[in-house]
Amino acid sequence: MDNVVKSPPKHTSSIIDKPLDRPTREEAEEAVRTLIRWAGDDPDREGLLDTPKRVTKAFKEFYAGYKDDPRDVLNKVFAEVEGYDDIVLVRDIPFYSHCEHHMVPFFGMVHIGYYPAKGVVGLSKLARLVEVYARRLQTQETMTAQIALALQDCLDPRGVAVMIEAEHMCMSMRGVQKAGALTLTTQFMGAFKDDPAEQVRFLTLLRQGKA
């Protein structure tokens, strides 16, 4: 598939529309020390001496999505697909994110389907798109909409369907403490939004082969 079309960017953004005055690494490490004291422990004891450095390093990995632009992930569309115009579905894409309300993890699976119009993207790009948005402070509802909108903007498909199933640690390990409860969110655009039968097809394909 050598026919590559660059998709023009529309209004898909990298979420941060204005520059942030980011603290230094030293300031971030001192903030971690403050939180350790707030939790009731001594940041100067042996086991915690390097914790601020480890936490700031982990934050760079957890929230790497802020430096990524979804348009860069979806910038190559392969138009030469031998006339294929049926649904493309990738299910069970695992993700780990952090709730923006309590900064504790939520995790689960993302399922993505779309009807190509101008072409398709590499399947790994869909998983990469999920990572862009998962590695930010998030809500599940926002993340679902962001993934769908990015696909709609960059691929201009005939329809987009996104479903996320996730367990939230802010519900499992704190608050009501109901471990195992799953939250399900969906976002339908184009053909999937206009035709309930397409939604049924998407959901049916997701469940095929599952107990």
Protein backbone atom coordinates (compact mmCIF):
# COMPACT_ATOMS: atom_id res chain seq x y z
CA MET A 1 0.00 0.00 0.00
CA ASP A 2 2.20 2.82 -1.31
CA ASN A 3 -0.48 5.42 -1.88
CA VAL A 4 -0.19 7.57 1.24
CA VAL A 5 -2.36 10.62 1.82
CA LYS A 6 -1.57 13.12 4.53
CA SER A 7 -4.75 14.04 6.34
CA PRO A 8 -5.23 17.77 6.88
CA PRO A 9 -5.51 18.71 10.55
CA LYS A 10 -8.88 20.07 11.60
CA HIS A 11 -9.79 20.88 15.20
CA THR A 12 -8.18 17.92 16.93
CA SER A 13 -5.91 19.49 19.54
CA SER A 14 -3.30 18.27 21.96
CA ILE A 15 -5.63 19.40 24.78
CA ILE A 16 -3.25 22.01 26.14
CA ASP A 17 -4.07 25.11 24.09
CA LYS A 18 -1.70 27.46 25.90
CA PRO A 19 1.80 26.98 27.30
CA LEU A 20 1.99 25.96 30.93
CA ASP A 21 4.49 27.30 33.40
CA ARG A 22 5.90 23.93 34.35
CA PRO A 23 7.86 23.62 37.60
CA THR A 24 11.42 22.39 37.66
CA ARG A 25 12.23 18.79 38.51
CA GLU A 26 13.57 19.97 41.86
CA GLU A 27 10.28 21.73 42.63
CA ALA A 28 8.35 18.61 41.67
CA GLU A 29 10.52 16.45 43.93
CA GLU A 30 9.98 18.85 46.82
CA ALA A 31 6.23 18.60 46.24
CA VAL A 32 6.49 14.82 46.58
CA ARG A 33 8.39 15.26 49.84
CA THR A 34 5.57 17.49 51.08
CA LEU A 35 2.98 14.85 50.19
CA ILE A 36 4.99 12.19 52.02
CA ARG A 37 4.96 14.37 55.12
CA TRP A 38 1.22 14.99 54.61
CA ALA A 39 0.67 11.22 54.50
CA GLY A 40 2.39 10.95 57.88
CA ASP A 41 5.82 9.60 57.01
CA ASP A 42 9.37 10.95 57.05
CA PRO A 43 10.79 11.69 53.58
CA ASP A 44 14.28 11.56 55.08
CA ARG A 45 14.12 7.97 56.22
CA GLU A 46 16.19 5.53 54.22
CA GLY A 47 13.38 3.84 52.30
CA LEU A 48 11.94 7.16 51.11
CA LEU A 49 15.09 9.14 50.32
CA ASP A 50 14.93 8.43 46.57
CA THR A 51 11.14 8.27 46.33
CA PRO A 52 10.72 11.88 45.08
CA LYS A 53 13.11 11.15 42.19
CA ARG A 54 11.31 7.90 41.39
CA VAL A 55 7.89 9.57 41.47
CA THR A 56 8.87 12.40 39.14
CA LYS A 57 10.44 9.90 36.76
CA ALA A 58 7.26 7.80 36.87
CA PHE A 59 5.14 10.90 36.22
CA LYS A 60 7.04 11.54 32.98
CA GLU A 61 5.99 8.07 31.84
CA PHE A 62 2.44 8.15 33.22
CA TYR A 63 1.68 11.49 31.56
CA ALA A 64 3.74 11.24 28.39
CA GLY A 65 0.62 11.85 26.32
CA TYR A 66 0.79 15.59 26.93
CA LYS A 67 3.75 15.89 24.58
CA ASP A 68 2.06 13.86 21.83
CA ASP A 69 -0.32 15.13 19.16
CA PRO A 70 -2.94 12.68 17.80
CA ARG A 71 -2.57 14.26 14.36
CA ASP A 72 1.01 13.03 14.24
CA VAL A 73 -0.16 9.50 15.06
CA LEU A 74 -2.83 9.50 12.34
CA ASN A 75 -0.99 11.52 9.71
CA LYS A 76 -0.62 8.69 7.20
CA VAL A 77 -3.70 7.28 5.51
CA PHE A 78 -3.34 4.37 3.11
CA ALA A 79 -5.77 4.92 0.27
CA GLU A 80 -4.88 1.81 -1.74
CA VAL A 81 -7.00 -0.85 -0.04
CA GLU A 82 -8.43 -2.66 -3.09
CA GLY A 83 -11.83 -1.03 -2.66
CA TYR A 84 -12.36 -2.16 0.95
CA ASP A 85 -15.06 -0.05 2.58
CA ASP A 86 -16.47 -2.29 5.32
CA ILE A 87 -15.91 -1.92 9.04
CA VAL A 88 -12.42 -1.94 10.51
CA LEU A 89 -12.57 -3.08 14.13
CA VAL A 90 -9.80 -3.39 16.69
CA ARG A 91 -10.99 -4.62 20.06
CA ASP A 92 -9.42 -5.23 23.44
CA ILE A 93 -6.76 -2.53 23.31
CA PRO A 94 -5.49 -2.41 26.91
CA PHE A 95 -4.85 0.93 28.56
CA TYR A 96 -3.88 2.45 31.90
CA SER A 97 -4.76 6.01 32.79
CA HIS A 98 -5.18 8.24 35.85
CA CYS A 99 -8.38 9.87 37.05
CA GLU A 100 -8.11 13.65 37.03
CA HIS A 101 -10.18 13.90 40.19
CA HIS A 102 -8.07 11.77 42.55
CA MET A 103 -4.99 10.97 40.41
CA VAL A 104 -5.44 7.25 40.98
CA PRO A 105 -5.44 4.69 38.15
CA PHE A 106 -8.28 3.46 36.02
CA PHE A 107 -7.66 0.77 33.45
CA GLY A 108 -9.39 -1.54 31.03
CA MET A 109 -9.99 -2.06 27.32
CA VAL A 110 -10.73 0.21 24.38
CA HIS A 111 -12.61 -1.01 21.31
CA ILE A 112 -12.49 1.03 18.09
CA GLY A 113 -14.42 0.61 14.86
CA TYR A 114 -14.69 2.80 11.78
CA TYR A 115 -15.92 2.73 8.21
CA PRO A 116 -13.12 4.01 5.96
CA ALA A 117 -13.91 6.57 3.29
CA LYS A 118 -10.58 7.92 2.04
CA GLY A 119 -8.43 5.06 3.33
CA VAL A 120 -7.22 3.29 6.45
CA VAL A 121 -4.46 3.76 9.01
CA GLY A 122 -2.09 1.11 10.27
CA LEU A 123 -3.74 -0.96 12.98
CA SER A 124 -0.98 -0.18 15.46
CA LYS A 125 -1.81 3.51 15.06
CA LEU A 126 -5.16 2.93 16.76
CA ALA A 127 -3.40 1.50 19.80
CA ARG A 128 -0.97 4.41 19.72
CA LEU A 129 -3.87 6.87 19.62
CA VAL A 130 -5.30 5.27 22.75
CA GLU A 131 -1.92 5.75 24.48
CA VAL A 132 -1.82 9.45 23.56
CA TYR A 133 -5.01 10.12 25.48
CA ALA A 134 -4.63 7.51 28.22
CA ARG A 135 -1.29 8.95 29.34
CA ARG A 136 -2.89 12.15 30.60
CA LEU A 137 -5.05 13.05 33.56
CA GLN A 138 -8.43 11.92 32.33
CA THR A 139 -12.04 11.05 32.79
CA GLN A 140 -13.29 7.99 30.94
CA GLU A 141 -16.05 9.97 29.29
CA THR A 142 -13.63 12.58 27.94
CA MET A 143 -11.15 9.99 26.74
CA THR A 144 -13.89 8.14 24.83
CA ALA A 145 -14.95 11.31 23.04
CA GLN A 146 -11.36 12.39 22.33
CA ILE A 147 -10.45 9.13 20.61
CA ALA A 148 -13.59 9.23 18.45
CA LEU A 149 -13.12 12.90 17.53
CA ALA A 150 -9.47 12.39 16.61
CA LEU A 151 -10.42 9.57 14.24
CA GLN A 152 -13.24 11.61 12.75
CA ASP A 153 -11.03 14.65 12.23
CA CYS A 154 -8.00 12.89 10.80
CA LEU A 155 -9.55 10.07 8.74
CA ASP A 156 -12.89 11.61 7.74
CA PRO A 157 -14.51 8.14 7.82
CA ARG A 158 -18.14 7.35 7.17
CA GLY A 159 -18.56 6.40 10.80
CA VAL A 160 -16.67 5.96 14.07
CA ALA A 161 -17.51 3.85 17.11
CA VAL A 162 -15.52 3.80 20.36
CA MET A 163 -16.25 1.83 23.52
CA ILE A 164 -14.23 1.83 26.74
CA GLU A 165 -14.67 -0.64 29.59
CA ALA A 166 -12.71 0.25 32.71
CA GLU A 167 -12.30 -0.29 36.42
CA HIS A 168 -11.63 2.83 38.47
CA MET A 169 -9.43 2.62 41.54
CA CYS A 170 -11.10 5.73 42.93
CA MET A 171 -14.18 3.51 43.29
CA SER A 172 -12.41 0.23 44.08
CA MET A 173 -9.79 1.24 46.65
CA ARG A 174 -11.41 4.32 48.18
CA GLY A 175 -14.89 5.75 48.64
CA VAL A 176 -17.48 3.00 48.24
CA GLN A 177 -14.68 0.41 47.75
CA LYS A 178 -16.52 -1.74 45.23
CA ALA A 179 -13.77 -3.68 43.50
CA GLY A 180 -14.56 -5.22 40.13
CA ALA A 181 -17.25 -2.73 39.12
CA LEU A 182 -16.84 -1.75 35.46
CA THR A 183 -17.77 1.53 33.82
CA LEU A 184 -18.75 1.43 30.14
CA THR A 185 -18.77 4.45 27.84
CA THR A 186 -19.48 4.73 24.11
CA GLN A 187 -19.19 7.39 21.43
CA PHE A 188 -20.80 6.98 18.01
CA MET A 189 -20.32 9.28 15.02
CA GLY A 190 -21.47 9.30 11.42
CA ALA A 191 -23.07 6.06 10.24
CA PHE A 192 -22.91 4.56 13.74
CA LYS A 193 -24.78 7.50 15.22
CA ASP A 194 -27.35 7.74 12.43
CA ASP A 195 -28.23 4.04 12.22
CA PRO A 196 -28.96 2.03 15.40
CA ALA A 197 -28.43 -1.16 13.36
CA GLU A 198 -24.79 -0.18 12.91
CA GLN A 199 -24.43 0.21 16.66
CA VAL A 200 -25.86 -3.28 17.10
CA ARG A 201 -23.41 -4.66 14.53
CA PHE A 202 -20.49 -3.01 16.32
CA LEU A 203 -21.56 -4.39 19.69
CA THR A 204 -22.21 -7.83 18.22
CA LEU A 205 -18.75 -8.00 16.65
CA LEU A 206 -17.23 -7.01 19.98
CA ARG A 207 -18.89 -9.93 21.76
CA GLN A 208 -18.17 -12.60 19.15
CA GLY A 209 -15.91 -15.30 20.51
CA LYS A 210 -16.29 -14.10 24.08
CA ALA A 211 -17.89 -16.17 26.80
